């Protein structure tokens, strides 16, 4: 399985322009700046609206050779041929493992060592851990830091991606802690 270094996590409310235009700008970046994968987050969309947007985003990602991962919509990810699905720890643990079998990649968001070990043991392809640094997305919540990230990276055999307050200035700290890659929202959405 090919893994990623930079993952764009979408949030159309942060986009500087029309959402699809924003994604086109991101996917048109030079290869060394372009994300390797895109997680279509958009948690506030209805299933119908998510399905409509996801078809357009999946097509864009295919055009640029970027892995397209749906957030939370397991059945839609399978039906549309998405490259993967990203789910919360509770969603992953509450669903039978065979629900994910026909989706190429299953990522699980974790917030503790115990969650990371449980998700990895159950068969998650990769984990997203955070928030590592202070972020506007989680105001008032203290960041978990790179020491906790390092502990998780050492404890599991699947790739771990850091999320939360990641920037060009601090991403190297995540890689030094053992992360396989970083997930960036604001940095891409505000280009």
Foldseek 3Di string as FASTA:
>chain_A
DDDWAEEEEEDLVLAPDHRVVLVLVLLPPPPVRHGQAYEDEPPVDDPVVCLVVLLVVQVSCVVSNHQYEYEPPLVSCLVNVGQYYEYELVVCVVDDPVSRVSHNAYEYEDEALVSLVVSLVNPHQEYEYWDACAAPVDPPDHTPHLVRLLVNLVNHDHAYEYEHPDDPVCQVSNVVSPHSHYYDYNVSSYD
